[in-house]
Amino acid sequence: MTDTITHTTTAVSVATAPAPRELPAQFADLAPYADWIFDTWRPRYEKRLASTMGEMQAFYDAILPRMADIIEYCNAFDLDDLPDDARNLLLLTFAFCEASFPVEAWRQPRVPDSGAADITLVTEPAL
């Protein structure tokens, strides 16, 4: 399934992650950001490009204070045997990384002075 998100004049296709996007109960406060949960890098990148700075800042502000708790929770499981809700939580941290540079440094979704440049990721680590 694919959703199309329009940002300014550019339509960006964002492949949705398999449902459900449930999180562990103790992280229910992060459920409003479940639309950032994707299995691979490309949809996270496209979500970043399609998001406003306000949306990214809200996402960043919600995740950052919970990051130590998230890492502690995920570390309780073997990476190859993560329950679905813990896997979704880990994928949310990947999305946090995707949003962190725009929020902390660039103050815009795209890399400054990159024009229409795009990144093609040939391979990425399996999760």
C-alpha atoms as a PDB file:
ATOM      1  CA  MET A   1       0.000   0.000   0.000  1.00  0.00           C
ATOM      2  CA  THR A   2       1.275   3.472  -0.856  1.00  0.00           C
ATOM      3  CA  ASP A   3       0.113   6.869   0.369  1.00  0.00           C
ATOM      4  CA  THR A   4       0.929  10.102  -1.411  1.00  0.00           C
ATOM      5  CA  ILE A   5       1.920  13.042   0.738  1.00  0.00           C
ATOM      6  CA  THR A   6       2.044  16.472  -0.857  1.00  0.00           C
ATOM      7  CA  HIS A   7       4.485  19.040   0.506  1.00  0.00           C
ATOM      8  CA  THR A   8       4.553  22.450  -1.147  1.00  0.00           C
ATOM      9  CA  THR A   9       4.455  21.619  -4.874  1.00  0.00           C
ATOM     10  CA  THR A  10       6.185  18.248  -4.731  1.00  0.00           C
ATOM     11  CA  ALA A  11       4.210  15.007  -4.394  1.00  0.00           C
ATOM     12  CA  VAL A  12       6.109  12.366  -2.457  1.00  0.00           C
ATOM     13  CA  SER A  13       5.090   8.718  -2.438  1.00  0.00           C
ATOM     14  CA  VAL A  14       5.440   7.096   0.967  1.00  0.00           C
ATOM     15  CA  ALA A  15       5.156   3.318   1.234  1.00  0.00           C
ATOM     16  CA  THR A  16       3.330   2.492   4.416  1.00  0.00           C
ATOM     17  CA  ALA A  17       4.656   0.002   6.943  1.00  0.00           C
ATOM     18  CA  PRO A  18       2.745  -3.207   7.477  1.00  0.00           C
ATOM     19  CA  ALA A  19      -0.070  -2.835   9.979  1.00  0.00           C
ATOM     20  CA  PRO A  20      -0.343  -2.862  12.881  1.00  0.00           C
ATOM     21  CA  ARG A  21       2.035  -0.194  14.094  1.00  0.00           C
ATOM     22  CA  GLU A  22       1.493  -0.960  17.746  1.00  0.00           C
ATOM     23  CA  LEU A  23       3.971   0.080  20.412  1.00  0.00           C
ATOM     24  CA  PRO A  24       4.615  -1.412  23.843  1.00  0.00           C
ATOM     25  CA  ALA A  25       2.055  -0.217  26.410  1.00  0.00           C
ATOM     26  CA  GLN A  26       4.576   1.899  28.331  1.00  0.00           C
ATOM     27  CA  PHE A  27       5.237   3.872  25.141  1.00  0.00           C
ATOM     28  CA  ALA A  28       1.586   4.535  24.268  1.00  0.00           C
ATOM     29  CA  ASP A  29       2.281   8.276  24.449  1.00  0.00           C
ATOM     30  CA  LEU A  30       4.333   7.878  21.254  1.00  0.00           C
ATOM     31  CA  ALA A  31       1.428   6.338  19.297  1.00  0.00           C
ATOM     32  CA  PRO A  32       0.641   9.649  17.533  1.00  0.00           C
ATOM     33  CA  TYR A  33       3.991   9.244  15.772  1.00  0.00           C
ATOM     34  CA  ALA A  34       3.367   5.710  14.498  1.00  0.00           C
ATOM     35  CA  ASP A  35       3.144   7.138  10.984  1.00  0.00           C
ATOM     36  CA  TRP A  36       6.959   7.447  11.183  1.00  0.00           C
ATOM     37  CA  ILE A  37       7.362   3.650  11.527  1.00  0.00           C
ATOM     38  CA  PHE A  38       8.759   2.175   8.313  1.00  0.00           C
ATOM     39  CA  ASP A  39      10.704  -1.002   7.638  1.00  0.00           C
ATOM     40  CA  THR A  40      13.292   0.631   5.392  1.00  0.00           C
ATOM     41  CA  TRP A  41      15.198   3.860   5.043  1.00  0.00           C
ATOM     42  CA  ARG A  42      13.630   5.239   1.854  1.00  0.00           C
ATOM     43  CA  PRO A  43      10.099   5.755   3.228  1.00  0.00           C
ATOM     44  CA  ARG A  44      11.581   7.416   6.340  1.00  0.00           C
ATOM     45  CA  TYR A  45      13.524   9.768   4.090  1.00  0.00           C
ATOM     46  CA  GLU A  46      10.403  10.520   2.033  1.00  0.00           C
ATOM     47  CA  LYS A  47       8.406  11.104   5.222  1.00  0.00           C
ATOM     48  CA  ARG A  48      11.061  13.589   6.341  1.00  0.00           C
ATOM     49  CA  LEU A  49      10.888  15.451   3.035  1.00  0.00           C
ATOM     50  CA  ALA A  50       7.086  15.555   3.182  1.00  0.00           C
ATOM     51  CA  SER A  51       6.953  16.778   6.789  1.00  0.00           C
ATOM     52  CA  THR A  52       6.893  20.356   7.974  1.00  0.00           C
ATOM     53  CA  MET A  53       9.497  21.536  10.437  1.00  0.00           C
ATOM     54  CA  GLY A  54       6.749  21.857  13.031  1.00  0.00           C
ATOM     55  CA  GLU A  55       5.808  18.200  12.573  1.00  0.00           C
ATOM     56  CA  MET A  56       9.425  17.090  12.779  1.00  0.00           C
ATOM     57  CA  GLN A  57      10.068  19.241  15.837  1.00  0.00           C
ATOM     58  CA  ALA A  58       7.041  17.750  17.624  1.00  0.00           C
ATOM     59  CA  PHE A  59       8.203  14.222  16.734  1.00  0.00           C
ATOM     60  CA  TYR A  60      11.748  14.987  17.891  1.00  0.00           C
ATOM     61  CA  ASP A  61      10.534  16.572  21.136  1.00  0.00           C
ATOM     62  CA  ALA A  62       8.373  13.525  21.914  1.00  0.00           C
ATOM     63  CA  ILE A  63      11.083  10.914  21.243  1.00  0.00           C
ATOM     64  CA  LEU A  64      14.226  12.552  22.653  1.00  0.00           C
ATOM     65  CA  PRO A  65      13.275  12.456  26.354  1.00  0.00           C
ATOM     66  CA  ARG A  66      12.171   8.823  25.988  1.00  0.00           C
ATOM     67  CA  MET A  67      15.253   7.624  24.095  1.00  0.00           C
ATOM     68  CA  ALA A  68      17.071   6.125  27.117  1.00  0.00           C
ATOM     69  CA  ASP A  69      13.901   4.236  28.093  1.00  0.00           C
ATOM     70  CA  ILE A  70      13.443   3.032  24.510  1.00  0.00           C
ATOM     71  CA  ILE A  71      17.012   1.748  24.302  1.00  0.00           C
ATOM     72  CA  GLU A  72      16.726   0.028  27.676  1.00  0.00           C
ATOM     73  CA  TYR A  73      13.449  -1.611  26.630  1.00  0.00           C
ATOM     74  CA  CYS A  74      14.765  -2.812  23.262  1.00  0.00           C
ATOM     75  CA  ASN A  75      18.014  -4.077  24.789  1.00  0.00           C
ATOM     76  CA  ALA A  76      15.984  -6.603  26.801  1.00  0.00           C
ATOM     77  CA  PHE A  77      15.375  -8.550  23.564  1.00  0.00           C
ATOM     78  CA  ASP A  78      17.573 -10.365  21.087  1.00  0.00           C
ATOM     79  CA  LEU A  79      17.652  -8.325  17.879  1.00  0.00           C
ATOM     80  CA  ASP A  80      16.738 -11.397  15.828  1.00  0.00           C
ATOM     81  CA  ASP A  81      13.732 -12.145  18.032  1.00  0.00           C
ATOM     82  CA  LEU A  82      12.134  -8.756  18.712  1.00  0.00           C
ATOM     83  CA  PRO A  83       8.402  -8.788  19.407  1.00  0.00           C
ATOM     84  CA  ASP A  84       6.499  -6.728  16.818  1.00  0.00           C
ATOM     85  CA  ASP A  85       5.784  -3.872  19.227  1.00  0.00           C
ATOM     86  CA  ALA A  86       9.464  -3.625  20.247  1.00  0.00           C
ATOM     87  CA  ARG A  87      10.510  -3.767  16.594  1.00  0.00           C
ATOM     88  CA  ASN A  88       8.144  -0.886  15.856  1.00  0.00           C
ATOM     89  CA  LEU A  89       9.690   1.050  18.734  1.00  0.00           C
ATOM     90  CA  LEU A  90      13.164   0.426  17.319  1.00  0.00           C
ATOM     91  CA  LEU A  91      12.007   1.546  13.872  1.00  0.00           C
ATOM     92  CA  LEU A  92      10.692   4.722  15.504  1.00  0.00           C
ATOM     93  CA  THR A  93      14.212   5.440  16.770  1.00  0.00           C
ATOM     94  CA  PHE A  94      15.500   5.027  13.219  1.00  0.00           C
ATOM     95  CA  ALA A  95      12.981   7.657  12.129  1.00  0.00           C
ATOM     96  CA  PHE A  96      14.146   9.886  14.977  1.00  0.00           C
ATOM     97  CA  CYS A  97      17.658   9.710  13.513  1.00  0.00           C
ATOM     98  CA  GLU A  98      16.229  10.677  10.125  1.00  0.00           C
ATOM     99  CA  ALA A  99      14.553  13.746  11.637  1.00  0.00           C
ATOM    100  CA  SER A 100      17.389  14.777  13.934  1.00  0.00           C
ATOM    101  CA  PHE A 101      19.629  16.594  11.429  1.00  0.00           C
ATOM    102  CA  PRO A 102      16.806  18.743  10.032  1.00  0.00           C
ATOM    103  CA  VAL A 103      15.736  19.659  13.573  1.00  0.00           C
ATOM    104  CA  GLU A 104      19.148  20.116  15.185  1.00  0.00           C
ATOM    105  CA  ALA A 105      21.165  21.608  12.355  1.00  0.00           C
ATOM    106  CA  TRP A 106      19.527  22.398   9.044  1.00  0.00           C
ATOM    107  CA  ARG A 107      16.178  23.847  10.183  1.00  0.00           C
ATOM    108  CA  GLN A 108      14.655  22.460   6.973  1.00  0.00           C
ATOM    109  CA  PRO A 109      13.706  18.952   5.740  1.00  0.00           C
ATOM    110  CA  ARG A 110      16.221  18.890   2.891  1.00  0.00           C
ATOM    111  CA  VAL A 111      19.987  19.067   3.134  1.00  0.00           C
ATOM    112  CA  PRO A 112      20.901  22.746   2.635  1.00  0.00           C
ATOM    113  CA  ASP A 113      22.269  23.711  -0.763  1.00  0.00           C
ATOM    114  CA  SER A 114      21.610  20.252  -2.191  1.00  0.00           C
ATOM    115  CA  GLY A 115      19.182  21.408  -4.883  1.00  0.00           C
ATOM    116  CA  ALA A 116      17.336  18.507  -6.470  1.00  0.00           C
ATOM    117  CA  ALA A 117      19.963  15.984  -5.368  1.00  0.00           C
ATOM    118  CA  ASP A 118      18.613  12.665  -4.183  1.00  0.00           C
ATOM    119  CA  ILE A 119      20.097   9.715  -2.345  1.00  0.00           C
ATOM    120  CA  THR A 120      19.829   6.167  -3.576  1.00  0.00           C
ATOM    121  CA  LEU A 121      20.618   3.589  -0.944  1.00  0.00           C
ATOM    122  CA  VAL A 122      21.641   0.336  -2.614  1.00  0.00           C
ATOM    123  CA  THR A 123      21.636  -1.840   0.505  1.00  0.00           C
ATOM    124  CA  GLU A 124      20.856  -1.404   4.148  1.00  0.00           C
ATOM    125  CA  PRO A 125      21.258  -3.598   7.200  1.00  0.00           C
ATOM    126  CA  ALA A 126      18.539  -6.179   7.728  1.00  0.00           C
ATOM    127  CA  LEU A 127      16.373  -5.896  10.780  1.00  0.00           C
END
